[in-house]
Amino acid sequence: CVEHDVLIARLGRKVKDRDVLRLIRAYLNSGALIEGMVMTSTRGTPQGGPLSPLLANVVLDEVDKELERRGHCFVRYADDANVYV
């Protein structure tokens, strides 16, 4: 689970529009309704959310680059990966 602060910092390297970053942080902090209670967290992205695959790609881009640097073959979609060593 990625910390929201880490995710926003990585997004901030490419996204210069502070309003967009604030909107994404609000999306991450919105929480989930579980048994009638709103549960919030400072980690993770909403499961099944439309932005979750994009946000996973932002976070895992550095992992991809490291796997490539090491010469590993891999396939990844969002947070699902197969690494062939």
N, C-alpha and C. Protein backbone atom coordinates (compact mmCIF):
# COMPACT_ATOMS: atom_id res chain seq x y z
N CYS A 1 0.84 -1.18 0.00
CA CYS A 1 0.00 0.00 0.00
C CYS A 1 0.89 1.25 0.00
N VAL A 2 0.65 2.11 -0.91
CA VAL A 2 1.45 3.32 -1.02
C VAL A 2 0.85 4.43 -0.14
N GLU A 3 1.74 5.17 0.50
CA GLU A 3 1.33 6.32 1.30
C GLU A 3 0.87 7.44 0.35
N HIS A 4 -0.20 8.10 0.71
CA HIS A 4 -0.72 9.18 -0.13
C HIS A 4 0.33 10.28 -0.36
N ASP A 5 1.10 10.62 0.68
CA ASP A 5 2.11 11.67 0.53
C ASP A 5 3.16 11.29 -0.51
N VAL A 6 3.57 10.01 -0.52
CA VAL A 6 4.55 9.53 -1.51
C VAL A 6 3.96 9.62 -2.91
N LEU A 7 2.73 9.19 -3.05
CA LEU A 7 2.06 9.21 -4.35
C LEU A 7 1.93 10.64 -4.88
N ILE A 8 1.49 11.55 -4.04
CA ILE A 8 1.32 12.95 -4.46
C ILE A 8 2.67 13.56 -4.81
N ALA A 9 3.72 13.23 -4.06
CA ALA A 9 5.06 13.74 -4.37
C ALA A 9 5.52 13.26 -5.74
N ARG A 10 5.29 11.99 -6.04
CA ARG A 10 5.69 11.46 -7.35
C ARG A 10 4.86 12.08 -8.47
N LEU A 11 3.58 12.25 -8.23
CA LEU A 11 2.74 12.92 -9.22
C LEU A 11 3.22 14.35 -9.46
N GLY A 12 3.65 15.00 -8.38
CA GLY A 12 4.10 16.39 -8.46
C GLY A 12 5.33 16.58 -9.32
N ARG A 13 6.07 15.50 -9.58
CA ARG A 13 7.24 15.59 -10.47
C ARG A 13 6.81 15.85 -11.91
N LYS A 14 5.63 15.38 -12.27
CA LYS A 14 5.14 15.51 -13.65
C LYS A 14 3.97 16.48 -13.78
N VAL A 15 3.13 16.53 -12.76
CA VAL A 15 1.92 17.36 -12.80
C VAL A 15 2.22 18.66 -12.05
N LYS A 16 2.23 19.75 -12.77
CA LYS A 16 2.57 21.04 -12.16
C LYS A 16 1.34 21.81 -11.68
N ASP A 17 0.17 21.39 -12.09
CA ASP A 17 -1.07 22.07 -11.72
C ASP A 17 -1.46 21.66 -10.30
N ARG A 18 -1.31 22.57 -9.36
CA ARG A 18 -1.58 22.28 -7.94
C ARG A 18 -3.06 21.95 -7.71
N ASP A 19 -3.95 22.52 -8.50
CA ASP A 19 -5.38 22.21 -8.35
C ASP A 19 -5.65 20.74 -8.68
N VAL A 20 -4.98 20.23 -9.69
CA VAL A 20 -5.13 18.81 -10.05
C VAL A 20 -4.62 17.93 -8.91
N LEU A 21 -3.47 18.29 -8.36
CA LEU A 21 -2.91 17.51 -7.24
C LEU A 21 -3.84 17.55 -6.02
N ARG A 22 -4.43 18.71 -5.74
CA ARG A 22 -5.37 18.81 -4.62
C ARG A 22 -6.61 17.95 -4.86
N LEU A 23 -7.08 17.93 -6.09
CA LEU A 23 -8.25 17.12 -6.44
C LEU A 23 -7.94 15.62 -6.28
N ILE A 24 -6.76 15.20 -6.71
CA ILE A 24 -6.38 13.79 -6.55
C ILE A 24 -6.23 13.44 -5.08
N ARG A 25 -5.65 14.35 -4.29
CA ARG A 25 -5.53 14.08 -2.85
C ARG A 25 -6.92 13.97 -2.21
N ALA A 26 -7.84 14.82 -2.60
CA ALA A 26 -9.21 14.74 -2.07
C ALA A 26 -9.85 13.41 -2.45
N TYR A 27 -9.62 12.96 -3.67
CA TYR A 27 -10.11 11.65 -4.11
C TYR A 27 -9.54 10.54 -3.23
N LEU A 28 -8.24 10.59 -2.97
CA LEU A 28 -7.60 9.57 -2.14
C LEU A 28 -8.11 9.60 -0.70
N ASN A 29 -8.39 10.79 -0.20
CA ASN A 29 -8.81 10.95 1.19
C ASN A 29 -10.31 10.79 1.40
N SER A 30 -11.06 10.58 0.32
CA SER A 30 -12.52 10.55 0.43
C SER A 30 -13.04 9.37 1.25
N GLY A 31 -12.28 8.29 1.32
CA GLY A 31 -12.69 7.15 2.14
C GLY A 31 -13.69 6.24 1.45
N ALA A 32 -14.13 5.25 2.20
CA ALA A 32 -15.09 4.27 1.70
C ALA A 32 -16.18 4.07 2.73
N LEU A 33 -17.37 3.78 2.25
CA LEU A 33 -18.50 3.51 3.14
C LEU A 33 -18.52 2.02 3.45
N ILE A 34 -18.24 1.68 4.70
CA ILE A 34 -18.21 0.28 5.13
C ILE A 34 -19.18 0.11 6.29
N GLU A 35 -20.22 -0.69 6.07
CA GLU A 35 -21.25 -0.94 7.08
C GLU A 35 -21.80 0.36 7.66
N GLY A 36 -22.05 1.33 6.78
CA GLY A 36 -22.65 2.58 7.20
C GLY A 36 -21.70 3.60 7.80
N MET A 37 -20.41 3.26 7.88
CA MET A 37 -19.41 4.17 8.44
C MET A 37 -18.41 4.56 7.35
N VAL A 38 -18.05 5.84 7.31
CA VAL A 38 -17.02 6.29 6.37
C VAL A 38 -15.66 6.00 6.98
N MET A 39 -14.88 5.18 6.28
CA MET A 39 -13.54 4.81 6.73
C MET A 39 -12.53 5.51 5.83
N THR A 40 -11.60 6.24 6.44
CA THR A 40 -10.57 6.93 5.67
C THR A 40 -9.22 6.32 5.98
N SER A 41 -8.27 6.59 5.10
CA SER A 41 -6.92 6.07 5.27
C SER A 41 -5.94 7.04 4.63
N THR A 42 -4.69 6.97 5.06
CA THR A 42 -3.63 7.77 4.45
C THR A 42 -2.80 6.92 3.49
N ARG A 43 -3.28 5.69 3.24
CA ARG A 43 -2.56 4.77 2.35
C ARG A 43 -3.51 4.13 1.35
N GLY A 44 -2.96 3.76 0.20
CA GLY A 44 -3.72 3.01 -0.79
C GLY A 44 -4.57 3.89 -1.69
N THR A 45 -5.14 3.23 -2.69
CA THR A 45 -6.06 3.91 -3.61
C THR A 45 -7.38 3.15 -3.60
N PRO A 46 -8.47 3.81 -3.92
CA PRO A 46 -9.77 3.13 -3.89
C PRO A 46 -9.80 1.93 -4.84
N GLN A 47 -10.16 0.78 -4.32
CA GLN A 47 -10.25 -0.43 -5.14
C GLN A 47 -11.34 -0.26 -6.18
N GLY A 48 -11.00 -0.51 -7.43
CA GLY A 48 -11.96 -0.37 -8.51
C GLY A 48 -12.17 1.06 -8.97
N GLY A 49 -11.46 1.99 -8.36
CA GLY A 49 -11.61 3.39 -8.75
C GLY A 49 -11.03 3.64 -10.13
N PRO A 50 -11.59 4.61 -10.86
CA PRO A 50 -11.13 4.86 -12.22
C PRO A 50 -9.70 5.37 -12.31
N LEU A 51 -9.20 6.01 -11.26
CA LEU A 51 -7.83 6.52 -11.27
C LEU A 51 -6.81 5.52 -10.73
N SER A 52 -7.26 4.46 -10.09
CA SER A 52 -6.34 3.54 -9.42
C SER A 52 -5.29 2.93 -10.35
N PRO A 53 -5.64 2.46 -11.57
CA PRO A 53 -4.60 1.93 -12.45
C PRO A 53 -3.55 2.99 -12.84
N LEU A 54 -4.01 4.21 -13.11
CA LEU A 54 -3.08 5.28 -13.44
C LEU A 54 -2.15 5.58 -12.27
N LEU A 55 -2.71 5.68 -11.07
CA LEU A 55 -1.91 5.98 -9.89
C LEU A 55 -0.92 4.85 -9.59
N ALA A 56 -1.32 3.60 -9.83
CA ALA A 56 -0.41 2.47 -9.66
C ALA A 56 0.76 2.60 -10.63
N ASN A 57 0.47 2.99 -11.86
CA ASN A 57 1.54 3.16 -12.85
C ASN A 57 2.52 4.25 -12.43
N VAL A 58 2.02 5.32 -11.85
CA VAL A 58 2.89 6.40 -11.39
C VAL A 58 3.86 5.88 -10.32
N VAL A 59 3.33 5.13 -9.37
CA VAL A 59 4.15 4.63 -8.26
C VAL A 59 5.12 3.55 -8.74
N LEU A 60 4.66 2.66 -9.60
CA LEU A 60 5.47 1.50 -9.99
C LEU A 60 6.40 1.76 -11.16
N ASP A 61 6.39 2.96 -11.72
CA ASP A 61 7.28 3.30 -12.82
C ASP A 61 8.74 3.08 -12.43
N GLU A 62 9.12 3.46 -11.22
CA GLU A 62 10.51 3.28 -10.76
C GLU A 62 10.86 1.80 -10.63
N VAL A 63 9.90 0.98 -10.23
CA VAL A 63 10.12 -0.47 -10.16
C VAL A 63 10.36 -1.01 -11.56
N ASP A 64 9.55 -0.58 -12.51
CA ASP A 64 9.73 -1.00 -13.91
C ASP A 64 11.14 -0.67 -14.40
N LYS A 65 11.58 0.54 -14.14
CA LYS A 65 12.90 0.97 -14.60
C LYS A 65 14.01 0.14 -13.97
N GLU A 66 13.85 -0.19 -12.70
CA GLU A 66 14.86 -1.02 -12.03
C GLU A 66 14.88 -2.43 -12.60
N LEU A 67 13.72 -3.01 -12.85
CA LEU A 67 13.67 -4.34 -13.46
C LEU A 67 14.31 -4.33 -14.85
N GLU A 68 14.05 -3.29 -15.62
CA GLU A 68 14.67 -3.17 -16.94
C GLU A 68 16.18 -3.03 -16.82
N ARG A 69 16.64 -2.21 -15.87
CA ARG A 69 18.07 -2.01 -15.66
C ARG A 69 18.76 -3.33 -15.35
N ARG A 70 18.09 -4.19 -14.59
CA ARG A 70 18.65 -5.49 -14.22
C ARG A 70 18.51 -6.53 -15.33
N GLY A 71 17.84 -6.17 -16.41
CA GLY A 71 17.71 -7.07 -17.53
C GLY A 71 16.61 -8.11 -17.39
N HIS A 72 15.68 -7.90 -16.46
CA HIS A 72 14.59 -8.85 -16.27
C HIS A 72 13.47 -8.59 -17.28
N CYS A 73 12.83 -9.67 -17.69
CA CYS A 73 11.63 -9.56 -18.52
C CYS A 73 10.43 -9.54 -17.58
N PHE A 74 9.48 -8.69 -17.85
CA PHE A 74 8.31 -8.60 -16.98
C PHE A 74 7.12 -8.06 -17.75
N VAL A 75 5.96 -8.34 -17.23
CA VAL A 75 4.71 -7.81 -17.75
C VAL A 75 3.95 -7.27 -16.55
N ARG A 76 3.46 -6.04 -16.66
CA ARG A 76 2.72 -5.45 -15.54
C ARG A 76 1.54 -4.67 -16.09
N TYR A 77 0.40 -4.82 -15.43
CA TYR A 77 -0.76 -3.96 -15.67
C TYR A 77 -1.22 -3.48 -14.30
N ALA A 78 -1.17 -2.18 -14.11
CA ALA A 78 -1.50 -1.58 -12.81
C ALA A 78 -0.66 -2.25 -11.74
N ASP A 79 -1.28 -2.90 -10.75
CA ASP A 79 -0.48 -3.49 -9.66
C ASP A 79 -0.32 -5.00 -9.81
N ASP A 80 -0.69 -5.56 -10.96
CA ASP A 80 -0.48 -6.99 -11.22
C ASP A 80 0.77 -7.14 -12.08
N ALA A 81 1.69 -8.01 -11.64
CA ALA A 81 2.95 -8.16 -12.38
C ALA A 81 3.40 -9.61 -12.43
N ASN A 82 4.04 -9.94 -13.55
CA ASN A 82 4.76 -11.20 -13.70
C ASN A 82 6.19 -10.83 -14.06
N VAL A 83 7.15 -11.36 -13.29
CA VAL A 83 8.56 -11.09 -13.53
C VAL A 83 9.21 -12.41 -13.90
N TYR A 84 9.94 -12.41 -15.02
CA TYR A 84 10.59 -13.63 -15.50
C TYR A 84 12.09 -13.47 -15.33
N VAL A 85 12.66 -14.29 -14.44
CA VAL A 85 14.10 -14.20 -14.16
C VAL A 85 14.79 -15.51 -14.47
